[in-house]
Amino acid sequence: MKLNILTFGIAKDITGNQTFEMHLPEGATTGDLKTALNQQFPDFEKLTSLAIAVNNTYTRDNLILNESDEIALIPPVSGG
């Protein structure tokens, strides 16, 4: 299935795009997405955390994804 992914902050810098597509098998979970991201973009492994929001809700690694989902990568926030 084709997933459209939005990126913010350092996630945008790592991917080089504000939006991009990834292809995963039907029935893939957010955990599968994280694994695929780490394989395609090894710099994601350097982050202390990476939240994934699906349809405006933060998710756990076991959520099954659908092609119609709005997926956003939310990196850790820093600053003071």
N, C-alpha and C. Protein backbone atom coordinates (compact mmCIF):
# COMPACT_ATOMS: atom_id res chain seq x y z
N MET A 1 0.83 -1.17 0.00
CA MET A 1 0.00 0.00 0.00
C MET A 1 0.88 1.24 0.00
N LYS A 2 0.36 2.31 -0.55
CA LYS A 2 1.10 3.57 -0.62
C LYS A 2 0.65 4.47 0.52
N LEU A 3 1.61 4.93 1.33
CA LEU A 3 1.32 5.82 2.45
C LEU A 3 1.88 7.20 2.16
N ASN A 4 1.08 8.23 2.39
CA ASN A 4 1.53 9.61 2.28
C ASN A 4 1.89 10.09 3.67
N ILE A 5 3.12 10.60 3.82
CA ILE A 5 3.64 10.93 5.14
C ILE A 5 4.05 12.39 5.19
N LEU A 6 3.62 13.08 6.26
CA LEU A 6 4.00 14.47 6.51
C LEU A 6 5.14 14.47 7.52
N THR A 7 6.07 15.40 7.36
CA THR A 7 7.20 15.48 8.30
C THR A 7 7.31 16.88 8.87
N PHE A 8 7.86 16.96 10.07
CA PHE A 8 8.04 18.23 10.76
C PHE A 8 9.42 18.26 11.40
N GLY A 9 9.96 19.46 11.60
CA GLY A 9 11.22 19.64 12.30
C GLY A 9 12.35 18.84 11.69
N ILE A 10 13.11 18.17 12.54
CA ILE A 10 14.28 17.40 12.10
C ILE A 10 13.88 16.25 11.19
N ALA A 11 12.66 15.74 11.33
CA ALA A 11 12.19 14.66 10.44
C ALA A 11 12.15 15.16 9.00
N LYS A 12 11.76 16.41 8.82
CA LYS A 12 11.76 17.02 7.48
C LYS A 12 13.18 17.13 6.95
N ASP A 13 14.10 17.52 7.83
CA ASP A 13 15.52 17.61 7.42
C ASP A 13 16.08 16.25 7.03
N ILE A 14 15.73 15.22 7.77
CA ILE A 14 16.25 13.87 7.50
C ILE A 14 15.74 13.35 6.16
N THR A 15 14.44 13.54 5.89
CA THR A 15 13.87 13.01 4.64
C THR A 15 14.12 13.93 3.45
N GLY A 16 14.36 15.20 3.73
CA GLY A 16 14.56 16.17 2.66
C GLY A 16 13.27 16.66 2.04
N ASN A 17 12.14 16.29 2.63
CA ASN A 17 10.84 16.69 2.09
C ASN A 17 9.83 16.90 3.20
N GLN A 18 8.88 17.79 2.96
CA GLN A 18 7.79 17.97 3.92
C GLN A 18 6.79 16.82 3.80
N THR A 19 6.64 16.28 2.61
CA THR A 19 5.79 15.11 2.40
C THR A 19 6.52 14.12 1.50
N PHE A 20 6.26 12.85 1.70
CA PHE A 20 6.83 11.82 0.83
C PHE A 20 5.96 10.57 0.92
N GLU A 21 6.20 9.65 0.01
CA GLU A 21 5.44 8.39 -0.03
C GLU A 21 6.33 7.23 0.37
N MET A 22 5.73 6.29 1.07
CA MET A 22 6.39 5.02 1.38
C MET A 22 5.42 3.91 1.00
N HIS A 23 5.98 2.80 0.57
CA HIS A 23 5.17 1.63 0.24
C HIS A 23 5.43 0.54 1.26
N LEU A 24 4.36 0.06 1.88
CA LEU A 24 4.43 -1.03 2.85
C LEU A 24 3.35 -2.05 2.50
N PRO A 25 3.53 -3.29 2.94
CA PRO A 25 2.50 -4.31 2.66
C PRO A 25 1.18 -4.00 3.38
N GLU A 26 0.09 -4.49 2.82
CA GLU A 26 -1.21 -4.38 3.50
C GLU A 26 -1.08 -4.98 4.89
N GLY A 27 -1.72 -4.34 5.86
CA GLY A 27 -1.69 -4.83 7.22
C GLY A 27 -0.48 -4.35 8.02
N ALA A 28 0.35 -3.49 7.42
CA ALA A 28 1.52 -2.97 8.13
C ALA A 28 1.08 -2.09 9.29
N THR A 29 1.90 -2.08 10.33
CA THR A 29 1.61 -1.29 11.53
C THR A 29 2.54 -0.09 11.61
N THR A 30 2.27 0.77 12.59
CA THR A 30 3.17 1.91 12.80
C THR A 30 4.56 1.42 13.20
N GLY A 31 4.66 0.30 13.88
CA GLY A 31 5.97 -0.27 14.19
C GLY A 31 6.71 -0.68 12.92
N ASP A 32 5.98 -1.26 11.95
CA ASP A 32 6.58 -1.60 10.66
C ASP A 32 7.05 -0.34 9.94
N LEU A 33 6.26 0.72 10.05
CA LEU A 33 6.64 1.99 9.44
C LEU A 33 7.93 2.52 10.04
N LYS A 34 8.06 2.47 11.38
CA LYS A 34 9.30 2.92 12.02
C LYS A 34 10.49 2.11 11.53
N THR A 35 10.33 0.81 11.41
CA THR A 35 11.42 -0.04 10.92
C THR A 35 11.81 0.37 9.51
N ALA A 36 10.83 0.57 8.64
CA ALA A 36 11.10 0.97 7.26
C ALA A 36 11.77 2.34 7.20
N LEU A 37 11.34 3.25 8.07
CA LEU A 37 11.97 4.58 8.10
C LEU A 37 13.43 4.48 8.49
N ASN A 38 13.73 3.67 9.50
CA ASN A 38 15.11 3.50 9.95
C ASN A 38 15.98 2.87 8.86
N GLN A 39 15.40 1.99 8.05
CA GLN A 39 16.16 1.37 6.96
C GLN A 39 16.41 2.37 5.83
N GLN A 40 15.39 3.16 5.49
CA GLN A 40 15.53 4.10 4.38
C GLN A 40 16.28 5.35 4.79
N PHE A 41 16.10 5.79 6.02
CA PHE A 41 16.72 7.01 6.54
C PHE A 41 17.41 6.69 7.87
N PRO A 42 18.64 6.18 7.85
CA PRO A 42 19.32 5.75 9.08
C PRO A 42 19.43 6.83 10.15
N ASP A 43 19.38 8.10 9.79
CA ASP A 43 19.47 9.17 10.79
C ASP A 43 18.29 9.17 11.77
N PHE A 44 17.19 8.52 11.41
CA PHE A 44 16.08 8.43 12.36
C PHE A 44 16.48 7.66 13.61
N GLU A 45 17.39 6.70 13.47
CA GLU A 45 17.83 5.91 14.63
C GLU A 45 18.57 6.76 15.65
N LYS A 46 19.08 7.92 15.25
CA LYS A 46 19.82 8.81 16.15
C LYS A 46 18.90 9.64 17.03
N LEU A 47 17.61 9.73 16.68
CA LEU A 47 16.68 10.53 17.46
C LEU A 47 16.35 9.85 18.78
N THR A 48 16.18 10.65 19.82
CA THR A 48 15.82 10.09 21.13
C THR A 48 14.40 9.57 21.14
N SER A 49 13.56 10.13 20.30
CA SER A 49 12.19 9.64 20.17
C SER A 49 11.63 10.13 18.83
N LEU A 50 10.60 9.45 18.36
CA LEU A 50 9.90 9.85 17.15
C LEU A 50 8.45 9.43 17.33
N ALA A 51 7.57 10.41 17.44
CA ALA A 51 6.15 10.11 17.57
C ALA A 51 5.53 10.02 16.17
N ILE A 52 4.56 9.15 16.04
CA ILE A 52 3.80 9.03 14.80
C ILE A 52 2.35 9.31 15.13
N ALA A 53 1.79 10.28 14.41
CA ALA A 53 0.37 10.59 14.55
C ALA A 53 -0.35 10.08 13.31
N VAL A 54 -1.45 9.40 13.52
CA VAL A 54 -2.27 8.90 12.42
C VAL A 54 -3.66 9.51 12.61
N ASN A 55 -4.08 10.24 11.58
CA ASN A 55 -5.39 10.92 11.62
C ASN A 55 -5.52 11.80 12.86
N ASN A 56 -4.46 12.57 13.12
CA ASN A 56 -4.41 13.56 14.21
C ASN A 56 -4.39 12.96 15.61
N THR A 57 -4.03 11.67 15.73
CA THR A 57 -3.95 11.03 17.03
C THR A 57 -2.61 10.31 17.16
N TYR A 58 -1.89 10.58 18.27
CA TYR A 58 -0.64 9.86 18.50
C TYR A 58 -0.94 8.37 18.64
N THR A 59 -0.04 7.54 18.10
CA THR A 59 -0.30 6.11 18.06
C THR A 59 0.79 5.30 18.76
N ARG A 60 0.47 4.05 18.99
CA ARG A 60 1.46 3.08 19.46
C ARG A 60 1.91 2.27 18.27
N ASP A 61 2.89 1.40 18.47
CA ASP A 61 3.49 0.65 17.36
C ASP A 61 2.58 -0.43 16.77
N ASN A 62 1.46 -0.73 17.41
CA ASN A 62 0.63 -1.83 16.92
C ASN A 62 -0.58 -1.39 16.09
N LEU A 63 -0.69 -0.10 15.79
CA LEU A 63 -1.82 0.37 14.99
C LEU A 63 -1.65 -0.06 13.54
N ILE A 64 -2.68 -0.68 12.97
CA ILE A 64 -2.64 -1.09 11.56
C ILE A 64 -2.95 0.12 10.70
N LEU A 65 -2.09 0.35 9.71
CA LEU A 65 -2.22 1.52 8.83
C LEU A 65 -3.08 1.21 7.61
N ASN A 66 -3.69 2.25 7.09
CA ASN A 66 -4.49 2.17 5.86
C ASN A 66 -4.01 3.23 4.89
N GLU A 67 -4.19 2.99 3.60
CA GLU A 67 -3.74 3.94 2.60
C GLU A 67 -4.35 5.33 2.76
N SER A 68 -5.54 5.40 3.27
CA SER A 68 -6.23 6.69 3.40
C SER A 68 -5.82 7.48 4.65
N ASP A 69 -4.97 6.90 5.50
CA ASP A 69 -4.58 7.56 6.74
C ASP A 69 -3.71 8.78 6.48
N GLU A 70 -3.88 9.81 7.32
CA GLU A 70 -2.97 10.95 7.33
C GLU A 70 -1.91 10.63 8.38
N ILE A 71 -0.67 10.48 7.94
CA ILE A 71 0.41 10.07 8.84
C ILE A 71 1.40 11.22 8.98
N ALA A 72 1.75 11.54 10.22
CA ALA A 72 2.70 12.62 10.48
C ALA A 72 3.81 12.10 11.39
N LEU A 73 5.05 12.46 11.04
CA LEU A 73 6.22 12.14 11.87
C LEU A 73 6.54 13.36 12.72
N ILE A 74 6.51 13.17 14.04
CA ILE A 74 6.72 14.27 14.96
C ILE A 74 7.98 13.97 15.78
N PRO A 75 9.07 14.68 15.50
CA PRO A 75 10.32 14.45 16.22
C PRO A 75 10.27 15.08 17.62
N PRO A 76 11.28 14.77 18.44
CA PRO A 76 11.34 15.41 19.76
C PRO A 76 11.49 16.92 19.61
N VAL A 77 10.93 17.64 20.55
CA VAL A 77 11.01 19.10 20.53
C VAL A 77 12.08 19.52 21.51
N SER A 78 12.90 20.49 21.09
CA SER A 78 13.92 21.00 22.00
C SER A 78 13.82 22.51 22.04
N GLY A 79 14.48 23.09 22.99
CA GLY A 79 14.47 24.54 23.11
C GLY A 79 14.19 24.93 24.55
N GLY A 80 14.10 26.20 24.75
CA GLY A 80 13.89 26.62 26.12
C GLY A 80 13.03 27.81 26.27
